[in-house]
N, C-alpha and C. Protein backbone atom coordinates (compact mmCIF):
# COMPACT_ATOMS: atom_id res chain seq x y z
N MET A 1 89.94 108.90 99.65
CA MET A 1 89.74 109.48 100.95
C MET A 1 90.46 110.83 100.97
N GLY A 2 89.73 111.89 101.25
CA GLY A 2 90.28 113.24 101.24
C GLY A 2 91.02 113.58 102.52
N ILE A 3 91.73 114.70 102.50
CA ILE A 3 92.53 115.13 103.65
C ILE A 3 91.65 115.44 104.87
N ILE A 4 90.44 115.95 104.64
CA ILE A 4 89.53 116.23 105.76
C ILE A 4 89.15 114.93 106.45
N THR A 5 88.85 113.90 105.66
CA THR A 5 88.51 112.60 106.23
C THR A 5 89.69 112.02 107.00
N VAL A 6 90.89 112.16 106.44
CA VAL A 6 92.10 111.68 107.12
C VAL A 6 92.30 112.42 108.44
N LEU A 7 92.11 113.73 108.43
CA LEU A 7 92.26 114.50 109.68
C LEU A 7 91.22 114.11 110.71
N LEU A 8 89.98 113.92 110.28
CA LEU A 8 88.93 113.49 111.22
C LEU A 8 89.24 112.11 111.79
N LEU A 9 89.71 111.23 110.94
CA LEU A 9 90.08 109.89 111.40
C LEU A 9 91.25 109.97 112.37
N ALA A 10 92.22 110.81 112.08
CA ALA A 10 93.36 110.99 112.99
C ALA A 10 92.91 111.53 114.34
N LEU A 11 91.97 112.47 114.33
CA LEU A 11 91.44 113.00 115.59
C LEU A 11 90.71 111.91 116.37
N ALA A 12 89.95 111.10 115.67
CA ALA A 12 89.24 110.01 116.34
C ALA A 12 90.22 109.03 116.96
N LEU A 13 91.27 108.69 116.23
CA LEU A 13 92.27 107.76 116.76
C LEU A 13 93.04 108.37 117.92
N GLY A 14 93.29 109.66 117.86
CA GLY A 14 94.02 110.33 118.93
C GLY A 14 93.19 110.58 120.18
N ALA A 15 91.87 110.42 120.08
CA ALA A 15 90.99 110.69 121.23
C ALA A 15 91.29 109.77 122.40
N ASP A 16 91.58 108.50 122.14
CA ASP A 16 91.93 107.58 123.24
C ASP A 16 93.19 108.05 123.95
N ALA A 17 94.21 108.40 123.16
CA ALA A 17 95.46 108.85 123.76
C ALA A 17 95.24 110.14 124.54
N PHE A 18 94.45 111.06 123.98
CA PHE A 18 94.19 112.32 124.66
C PHE A 18 93.48 112.09 125.99
N SER A 19 92.41 111.26 125.98
CA SER A 19 91.66 111.05 127.21
C SER A 19 92.49 110.32 128.26
N LEU A 20 93.28 109.33 127.84
CA LEU A 20 94.15 108.63 128.79
C LEU A 20 95.20 109.58 129.35
N CYS A 21 95.77 110.41 128.48
CA CYS A 21 96.83 111.32 128.92
C CYS A 21 96.32 112.46 129.80
N LEU A 22 95.04 112.79 129.67
CA LEU A 22 94.47 113.74 130.63
C LEU A 22 94.60 113.18 132.04
N GLY A 23 94.26 111.90 132.17
CA GLY A 23 94.37 111.25 133.47
C GLY A 23 95.80 111.16 133.95
N ILE A 24 96.70 110.81 133.06
CA ILE A 24 98.11 110.74 133.43
C ILE A 24 98.61 112.11 133.86
N GLY A 25 98.21 113.14 133.11
CA GLY A 25 98.60 114.51 133.46
C GLY A 25 98.08 114.92 134.82
N MET A 26 96.86 114.49 135.16
CA MET A 26 96.29 114.82 136.47
C MET A 26 97.07 114.16 137.60
N ALA A 27 97.71 113.03 137.30
CA ALA A 27 98.49 112.34 138.33
C ALA A 27 99.83 113.01 138.57
N GLY A 28 100.20 113.92 137.68
CA GLY A 28 101.48 114.61 137.81
C GLY A 28 102.52 113.97 136.92
N ILE A 29 103.18 114.77 136.12
CA ILE A 29 104.13 114.23 135.15
C ILE A 29 105.23 115.24 134.88
N LYS A 30 106.44 114.73 134.67
CA LYS A 30 107.59 115.57 134.39
C LYS A 30 107.69 115.83 132.89
N ARG A 31 108.42 116.90 132.53
CA ARG A 31 108.59 117.28 131.12
C ARG A 31 109.21 116.14 130.31
N ARG A 32 110.20 115.46 130.85
CA ARG A 32 110.85 114.34 130.16
C ARG A 32 109.83 113.24 129.87
N GLN A 33 108.96 112.97 130.83
CA GLN A 33 107.94 111.95 130.64
C GLN A 33 106.95 112.36 129.55
N VAL A 34 106.59 113.63 129.51
CA VAL A 34 105.68 114.14 128.48
C VAL A 34 106.27 113.89 127.10
N ILE A 35 107.54 114.20 126.95
CA ILE A 35 108.20 114.03 125.64
C ILE A 35 108.29 112.55 125.27
N LEU A 36 108.73 111.72 126.21
CA LEU A 36 108.85 110.28 125.93
C LEU A 36 107.51 109.65 125.57
N ILE A 37 106.49 109.95 126.33
CA ILE A 37 105.17 109.37 126.07
C ILE A 37 104.62 109.88 124.74
N SER A 38 104.75 111.18 124.48
CA SER A 38 104.24 111.76 123.23
C SER A 38 104.92 111.14 122.01
N LEU A 39 106.24 111.00 122.06
CA LEU A 39 106.96 110.40 120.94
C LEU A 39 106.61 108.93 120.75
N THR A 40 106.43 108.22 121.86
CA THR A 40 106.05 106.81 121.77
C THR A 40 104.70 106.65 121.10
N VAL A 41 103.72 107.44 121.52
CA VAL A 41 102.39 107.35 120.92
C VAL A 41 102.44 107.76 119.45
N LEU A 42 103.20 108.80 119.14
CA LEU A 42 103.37 109.23 117.75
C LEU A 42 103.89 108.08 116.89
N LEU A 43 104.95 107.42 117.35
CA LEU A 43 105.52 106.31 116.58
C LEU A 43 104.56 105.14 116.43
N PHE A 44 103.86 104.80 117.50
CA PHE A 44 102.91 103.69 117.43
C PHE A 44 101.75 104.00 116.49
N HIS A 45 101.35 105.28 116.41
CA HIS A 45 100.25 105.65 115.51
C HIS A 45 100.71 105.73 114.06
N ILE A 46 101.99 105.57 113.82
CA ILE A 46 102.50 105.41 112.45
C ILE A 46 102.70 103.92 112.15
N ILE A 47 103.31 103.20 113.08
CA ILE A 47 103.64 101.79 112.86
C ILE A 47 102.39 100.91 112.78
N MET A 48 101.45 101.11 113.70
CA MET A 48 100.28 100.22 113.75
C MET A 48 99.41 100.32 112.49
N PRO A 49 99.09 101.52 111.98
CA PRO A 49 98.30 101.54 110.75
C PRO A 49 99.07 100.96 109.56
N LEU A 50 100.40 101.10 109.56
CA LEU A 50 101.18 100.50 108.48
C LEU A 50 101.06 98.97 108.49
N ALA A 51 101.14 98.40 109.69
CA ALA A 51 100.99 96.95 109.81
C ALA A 51 99.58 96.53 109.39
N GLY A 52 98.59 97.27 109.85
CA GLY A 52 97.20 96.96 109.48
C GLY A 52 96.96 97.18 108.00
N PHE A 53 97.61 98.20 107.42
CA PHE A 53 97.46 98.50 106.00
C PHE A 53 97.93 97.32 105.15
N GLU A 54 99.07 96.76 105.51
CA GLU A 54 99.61 95.63 104.75
C GLU A 54 98.62 94.46 104.77
N ALA A 55 98.05 94.18 105.93
CA ALA A 55 97.06 93.10 106.02
C ALA A 55 95.80 93.46 105.24
N GLY A 56 95.38 94.71 105.32
CA GLY A 56 94.17 95.15 104.61
C GLY A 56 94.35 95.16 103.11
N GLU A 57 95.54 95.55 102.65
CA GLU A 57 95.81 95.56 101.21
C GLU A 57 95.78 94.14 100.65
N LEU A 58 96.34 93.20 101.39
CA LEU A 58 96.32 91.80 100.98
C LEU A 58 94.88 91.30 100.92
N ALA A 59 94.11 91.58 101.96
CA ALA A 59 92.71 91.16 101.98
C ALA A 59 91.91 91.84 100.87
N GLY A 60 92.19 93.14 100.63
CA GLY A 60 91.49 93.86 99.58
C GLY A 60 91.76 93.27 98.21
N GLY A 61 92.99 92.86 97.98
CA GLY A 61 93.33 92.23 96.71
C GLY A 61 92.68 90.87 96.54
N LEU A 62 92.48 90.19 97.64
CA LEU A 62 91.91 88.85 97.57
C LEU A 62 90.39 88.84 97.50
N ILE A 63 89.76 89.70 98.28
CA ILE A 63 88.30 89.62 98.34
C ILE A 63 87.59 90.91 97.96
N GLY A 64 88.34 91.92 97.49
CA GLY A 64 87.74 93.12 96.91
C GLY A 64 86.82 93.89 97.84
N ARG A 65 85.63 94.20 97.36
CA ARG A 65 84.67 95.06 98.06
C ARG A 65 84.28 94.51 99.43
N ALA A 66 84.24 93.20 99.56
CA ALA A 66 83.88 92.61 100.86
C ALA A 66 84.86 93.05 101.94
N ALA A 67 86.14 93.20 101.60
CA ALA A 67 87.13 93.66 102.56
C ALA A 67 86.86 95.10 102.96
N ALA A 68 86.44 95.94 102.01
CA ALA A 68 86.13 97.34 102.32
C ALA A 68 84.93 97.42 103.26
N VAL A 69 83.91 96.61 103.00
CA VAL A 69 82.73 96.59 103.87
C VAL A 69 83.11 96.07 105.25
N ALA A 70 83.93 95.02 105.29
CA ALA A 70 84.36 94.47 106.58
C ALA A 70 85.15 95.52 107.36
N GLY A 71 86.01 96.28 106.68
CA GLY A 71 86.76 97.34 107.34
C GLY A 71 85.86 98.44 107.87
N ALA A 72 84.85 98.81 107.08
CA ALA A 72 83.90 99.85 107.52
C ALA A 72 83.11 99.35 108.73
N LEU A 73 82.70 98.08 108.71
CA LEU A 73 81.97 97.52 109.84
C LEU A 73 82.84 97.48 111.10
N LEU A 74 84.11 97.18 110.91
CA LEU A 74 85.04 97.19 112.03
C LEU A 74 85.15 98.59 112.62
N MET A 75 85.21 99.60 111.76
CA MET A 75 85.28 100.99 112.22
C MET A 75 84.00 101.36 112.97
N LEU A 76 82.86 100.93 112.46
CA LEU A 76 81.59 101.18 113.16
C LEU A 76 81.60 100.53 114.54
N TYR A 77 82.09 99.31 114.62
CA TYR A 77 82.17 98.61 115.89
C TYR A 77 83.05 99.39 116.88
N LEU A 78 84.24 99.82 116.41
CA LEU A 78 85.13 100.56 117.30
C LEU A 78 84.48 101.85 117.77
N GLY A 79 83.78 102.55 116.86
CA GLY A 79 83.10 103.79 117.22
C GLY A 79 82.01 103.54 118.25
N LEU A 80 81.22 102.50 118.03
CA LEU A 80 80.16 102.15 119.00
C LEU A 80 80.75 101.81 120.36
N ARG A 81 81.85 101.07 120.35
CA ARG A 81 82.49 100.70 121.62
C ARG A 81 82.96 101.94 122.37
N MET A 82 83.53 102.90 121.65
CA MET A 82 84.00 104.12 122.30
C MET A 82 82.83 104.94 122.83
N VAL A 83 81.76 105.06 122.05
CA VAL A 83 80.58 105.81 122.49
C VAL A 83 79.96 105.15 123.72
N GLN A 84 79.80 103.83 123.68
CA GLN A 84 79.22 103.12 124.83
C GLN A 84 80.06 103.32 126.08
N GLY A 85 81.38 103.21 125.93
CA GLY A 85 82.25 103.41 127.08
C GLY A 85 82.11 104.81 127.67
N ALA A 86 81.99 105.80 126.81
CA ALA A 86 81.85 107.18 127.28
C ALA A 86 80.50 107.38 127.97
N LEU A 87 79.44 106.84 127.39
CA LEU A 87 78.11 107.01 127.97
C LEU A 87 77.94 106.24 129.27
N ARG A 88 78.66 105.14 129.40
CA ARG A 88 78.59 104.35 130.63
C ARG A 88 79.65 104.79 131.63
N HIS A 89 80.35 105.85 131.30
CA HIS A 89 81.42 106.38 132.16
C HIS A 89 82.48 105.32 132.42
N GLU A 90 82.87 104.61 131.34
CA GLU A 90 83.91 103.60 131.44
C GLU A 90 85.20 104.09 130.81
N ALA A 91 85.45 105.38 130.87
CA ALA A 91 86.70 105.91 130.32
C ALA A 91 87.86 105.24 131.03
N GLU A 92 88.97 105.10 130.32
CA GLU A 92 90.12 104.44 130.90
C GLU A 92 90.56 105.17 132.15
N GLU A 93 90.82 104.39 133.18
CA GLU A 93 91.29 104.97 134.43
C GLU A 93 92.74 105.38 134.27
N SER A 94 93.10 106.49 134.87
CA SER A 94 94.48 106.94 134.75
C SER A 94 95.35 106.15 135.72
N PRO A 95 96.52 105.74 135.27
CA PRO A 95 97.41 105.03 136.17
C PRO A 95 97.99 105.98 137.21
N ARG A 96 98.16 105.50 138.40
CA ARG A 96 98.69 106.34 139.46
C ARG A 96 100.22 106.31 139.46
N ILE A 97 100.82 105.29 138.85
CA ILE A 97 102.27 105.22 138.74
C ILE A 97 102.61 105.39 137.27
N ILE A 98 103.39 106.39 136.96
CA ILE A 98 103.76 106.67 135.57
C ILE A 98 104.97 105.81 135.22
N LEU A 99 104.79 104.95 134.23
CA LEU A 99 105.88 104.08 133.79
C LEU A 99 106.58 104.73 132.59
N VAL A 100 107.87 105.00 132.74
CA VAL A 100 108.60 105.59 131.63
C VAL A 100 109.77 104.72 131.20
N ASN A 101 109.81 103.48 131.68
CA ASN A 101 110.85 102.59 131.18
C ASN A 101 110.42 102.03 129.84
N GLY A 102 111.27 101.27 129.19
CA GLY A 102 110.98 100.75 127.86
C GLY A 102 109.69 99.95 127.78
N TRP A 103 109.49 99.05 128.70
CA TRP A 103 108.30 98.19 128.68
C TRP A 103 107.02 99.00 128.94
N GLY A 104 107.08 99.91 129.90
CA GLY A 104 105.90 100.72 130.21
C GLY A 104 105.51 101.61 129.04
N LEU A 105 106.50 102.22 128.39
CA LEU A 105 106.22 103.05 127.21
C LEU A 105 105.65 102.19 126.08
N PHE A 106 106.22 101.01 125.88
CA PHE A 106 105.73 100.10 124.84
C PHE A 106 104.27 99.74 125.09
N MET A 107 103.95 99.38 126.31
CA MET A 107 102.58 98.98 126.64
C MET A 107 101.61 100.15 126.48
N LEU A 108 102.01 101.33 126.91
CA LEU A 108 101.16 102.51 126.75
C LEU A 108 100.93 102.80 125.27
N GLY A 109 102.02 102.83 124.48
CA GLY A 109 101.90 103.10 123.05
C GLY A 109 101.03 102.08 122.35
N ALA A 110 101.23 100.80 122.68
CA ALA A 110 100.44 99.74 122.06
C ALA A 110 98.97 99.83 122.46
N SER A 111 98.71 100.12 123.71
CA SER A 111 97.32 100.13 124.18
C SER A 111 96.49 101.24 123.55
N VAL A 112 97.09 102.41 123.33
CA VAL A 112 96.31 103.51 122.75
C VAL A 112 96.32 103.49 121.23
N SER A 113 97.07 102.57 120.61
CA SER A 113 97.12 102.55 119.15
C SER A 113 96.53 101.28 118.54
N MET A 114 95.88 100.45 119.34
CA MET A 114 95.26 99.24 118.79
C MET A 114 94.18 99.59 117.76
N ASP A 115 93.44 100.65 118.02
CA ASP A 115 92.43 101.08 117.05
C ASP A 115 93.09 101.48 115.73
N ALA A 116 94.29 102.04 115.80
CA ALA A 116 95.01 102.44 114.59
C ALA A 116 95.40 101.22 113.75
N LEU A 117 95.66 100.08 114.40
CA LEU A 117 95.94 98.85 113.67
C LEU A 117 94.72 98.45 112.85
N SER A 118 93.56 98.48 113.50
CA SER A 118 92.32 98.12 112.82
C SER A 118 91.99 99.10 111.70
N VAL A 119 92.20 100.39 111.95
CA VAL A 119 91.94 101.39 110.92
C VAL A 119 92.92 101.21 109.77
N GLY A 120 94.15 100.83 110.07
CA GLY A 120 95.12 100.54 109.01
C GLY A 120 94.65 99.41 108.12
N PHE A 121 94.02 98.42 108.70
CA PHE A 121 93.44 97.33 107.90
C PHE A 121 92.40 97.89 106.95
N THR A 122 91.55 98.75 107.45
CA THR A 122 90.52 99.38 106.62
C THR A 122 91.15 100.22 105.51
N LEU A 123 92.20 100.95 105.84
CA LEU A 123 92.86 101.79 104.83
C LEU A 123 93.48 100.96 103.72
N GLY A 124 93.87 99.74 104.05
CA GLY A 124 94.44 98.85 103.03
C GLY A 124 93.43 98.46 101.97
N THR A 125 92.17 98.67 102.24
CA THR A 125 91.12 98.36 101.26
C THR A 125 90.70 99.59 100.48
N GLN A 126 91.27 100.75 100.80
CA GLN A 126 90.91 102.02 100.16
C GLN A 126 92.09 102.52 99.33
N ARG A 127 91.81 103.45 98.44
CA ARG A 127 92.88 104.10 97.68
C ARG A 127 93.26 105.38 98.41
N ILE A 128 94.42 105.36 99.04
CA ILE A 128 94.87 106.51 99.82
C ILE A 128 96.36 106.73 99.60
N ASN A 129 96.84 107.91 99.99
CA ASN A 129 98.26 108.19 100.03
C ASN A 129 98.74 107.70 101.41
N LEU A 130 99.34 106.53 101.43
CA LEU A 130 99.69 105.88 102.69
C LEU A 130 100.66 106.71 103.53
N LEU A 131 101.71 107.22 102.93
CA LEU A 131 102.70 107.98 103.69
C LEU A 131 102.08 109.20 104.35
N LEU A 132 101.32 109.97 103.59
CA LEU A 132 100.66 111.15 104.15
C LEU A 132 99.70 110.76 105.27
N THR A 133 98.93 109.72 105.05
CA THR A 133 97.93 109.30 106.03
C THR A 133 98.56 108.90 107.35
N VAL A 134 99.59 108.04 107.31
CA VAL A 134 100.18 107.59 108.58
C VAL A 134 100.96 108.70 109.26
N LEU A 135 101.56 109.59 108.48
CA LEU A 135 102.24 110.74 109.10
C LEU A 135 101.24 111.65 109.81
N VAL A 136 100.09 111.87 109.18
CA VAL A 136 99.04 112.67 109.81
C VAL A 136 98.56 111.97 111.08
N PHE A 137 98.31 110.65 111.01
CA PHE A 137 97.90 109.90 112.20
C PHE A 137 98.91 110.08 113.32
N GLY A 138 100.20 109.89 113.01
CA GLY A 138 101.22 109.98 114.04
C GLY A 138 101.35 111.37 114.63
N LEU A 139 101.39 112.38 113.76
CA LEU A 139 101.53 113.75 114.25
C LEU A 139 100.34 114.18 115.09
N VAL A 140 99.14 113.87 114.63
CA VAL A 140 97.94 114.25 115.38
C VAL A 140 97.90 113.52 116.72
N ALA A 141 98.19 112.22 116.72
CA ALA A 141 98.19 111.47 117.98
C ALA A 141 99.26 111.98 118.92
N GLY A 142 100.45 112.29 118.39
CA GLY A 142 101.51 112.84 119.23
C GLY A 142 101.13 114.18 119.84
N LEU A 143 100.54 115.05 119.03
CA LEU A 143 100.10 116.36 119.54
C LEU A 143 98.97 116.21 120.55
N MET A 144 98.04 115.29 120.28
CA MET A 144 96.94 115.09 121.23
C MET A 144 97.45 114.51 122.54
N THR A 145 98.43 113.61 122.46
CA THR A 145 99.04 113.06 123.67
C THR A 145 99.73 114.16 124.46
N PHE A 146 100.53 114.94 123.78
CA PHE A 146 101.24 116.06 124.41
C PHE A 146 100.24 117.02 125.07
N SER A 147 99.20 117.37 124.34
CA SER A 147 98.17 118.29 124.86
C SER A 147 97.46 117.69 126.06
N GLY A 148 97.11 116.42 125.97
CA GLY A 148 96.43 115.76 127.08
C GLY A 148 97.27 115.73 128.34
N LEU A 149 98.56 115.45 128.18
CA LEU A 149 99.44 115.40 129.34
C LEU A 149 99.57 116.76 130.01
N TYR A 150 99.74 117.80 129.20
CA TYR A 150 99.90 119.14 129.77
C TYR A 150 98.59 119.72 130.30
N CYS A 151 97.51 119.40 129.65
CA CYS A 151 96.22 119.96 130.10
C CYS A 151 95.59 119.14 131.22
N GLY A 152 96.13 117.97 131.49
CA GLY A 152 95.55 117.06 132.47
C GLY A 152 95.30 117.67 133.83
N ARG A 153 96.22 118.47 134.29
CA ARG A 153 96.06 119.07 135.61
C ARG A 153 94.94 120.11 135.63
N CYS A 154 94.72 120.76 134.48
CA CYS A 154 93.78 121.87 134.44
C CYS A 154 92.35 121.45 134.08
N ILE A 155 92.25 120.40 133.32
CA ILE A 155 90.93 119.98 132.83
C ILE A 155 90.43 118.82 133.68
N GLY A 156 89.18 118.84 134.03
CA GLY A 156 88.61 117.78 134.87
C GLY A 156 88.42 116.46 134.15
N ARG A 157 88.03 115.46 134.88
CA ARG A 157 87.79 114.13 134.33
C ARG A 157 86.71 114.14 133.24
N TRP A 158 85.81 115.06 133.30
CA TRP A 158 84.71 115.10 132.33
C TRP A 158 85.20 115.23 130.90
N ALA A 159 86.32 115.89 130.69
CA ALA A 159 86.83 116.09 129.32
C ALA A 159 87.30 114.77 128.72
N GLY A 160 87.86 113.90 129.54
CA GLY A 160 88.32 112.60 129.03
C GLY A 160 87.18 111.79 128.47
N GLU A 161 86.06 111.76 129.18
CA GLU A 161 84.89 111.02 128.70
C GLU A 161 84.32 111.67 127.45
N ARG A 162 84.29 112.97 127.40
CA ARG A 162 83.76 113.67 126.22
C ARG A 162 84.67 113.46 125.01
N ALA A 163 85.99 113.43 125.23
CA ALA A 163 86.91 113.18 124.12
C ALA A 163 86.70 111.78 123.57
N GLN A 164 86.47 110.81 124.44
CA GLN A 164 86.20 109.44 124.00
C GLN A 164 84.88 109.39 123.23
N LEU A 165 83.87 110.08 123.72
CA LEU A 165 82.57 110.12 123.03
C LEU A 165 82.72 110.76 121.65
N LEU A 166 83.43 111.87 121.57
CA LEU A 166 83.64 112.54 120.28
C LEU A 166 84.40 111.62 119.32
N GLY A 167 85.44 110.96 119.79
CA GLY A 167 86.20 110.04 118.95
C GLY A 167 85.33 108.92 118.43
N GLY A 168 84.47 108.36 119.28
CA GLY A 168 83.56 107.29 118.86
C GLY A 168 82.58 107.77 117.80
N LEU A 169 82.05 108.97 117.99
CA LEU A 169 81.09 109.51 117.00
C LEU A 169 81.77 109.77 115.65
N ILE A 170 83.01 110.23 115.68
CA ILE A 170 83.74 110.44 114.43
C ILE A 170 83.98 109.11 113.72
N LEU A 171 84.40 108.08 114.47
CA LEU A 171 84.59 106.77 113.85
C LEU A 171 83.30 106.23 113.25
N LEU A 172 82.19 106.42 113.95
CA LEU A 172 80.90 105.98 113.43
C LEU A 172 80.58 106.71 112.11
N GLY A 173 80.79 108.01 112.08
CA GLY A 173 80.51 108.77 110.86
C GLY A 173 81.37 108.33 109.69
N ILE A 174 82.65 108.11 109.95
CA ILE A 174 83.53 107.68 108.87
C ILE A 174 83.19 106.27 108.42
N GLY A 175 82.85 105.39 109.36
CA GLY A 175 82.44 104.03 108.99
C GLY A 175 81.20 104.04 108.12
N LEU A 176 80.23 104.88 108.47
CA LEU A 176 79.00 104.99 107.67
C LEU A 176 79.30 105.53 106.28
N LYS A 177 80.20 106.52 106.22
CA LYS A 177 80.57 107.09 104.92
C LYS A 177 81.21 106.05 104.03
N MET A 178 82.01 105.17 104.59
CA MET A 178 82.70 104.15 103.82
C MET A 178 81.74 103.10 103.27
N ILE A 179 80.67 102.83 104.00
CA ILE A 179 79.69 101.84 103.55
C ILE A 179 78.84 102.38 102.42
N VAL A 180 78.47 103.65 102.53
CA VAL A 180 77.58 104.25 101.53
C VAL A 180 78.26 104.54 100.27
């Protein structure tokens, strides 16, 4: 998997965080909250693919190519789900109360990085530079979160749905590439 593919995958994974954070930014957010949320999402986008990678590597060693196909199908499913949500205007609603305590940050980080867990499983079936990949995932997700929070006030709700649609299309493309 090349660096361009890793960057595209990172952008797709960060699209959920970006679209959610646009909504959070529109609700109004302090600088401290922007930093806390961005760092939390960054860390979760490193930890979750690592956990998924370990499970995927084990499955890849046990069942070989079938695990790679299963991972690609999972990526296709996630991409389709994101595209459907965007087309049906089911983008995540922005919370009106910003939670910055430990539990709220944990829940936010976990909710926007669940796809990264699944992608980590898929990566465990591929030959990749794990450290570089998860660092790229984390940095891109952190930057997209930061950007979404700051741009939230300026950009309308339409951008959140389009970011989700773009992320879904990227996941679909990468899933198809992995199968072929």
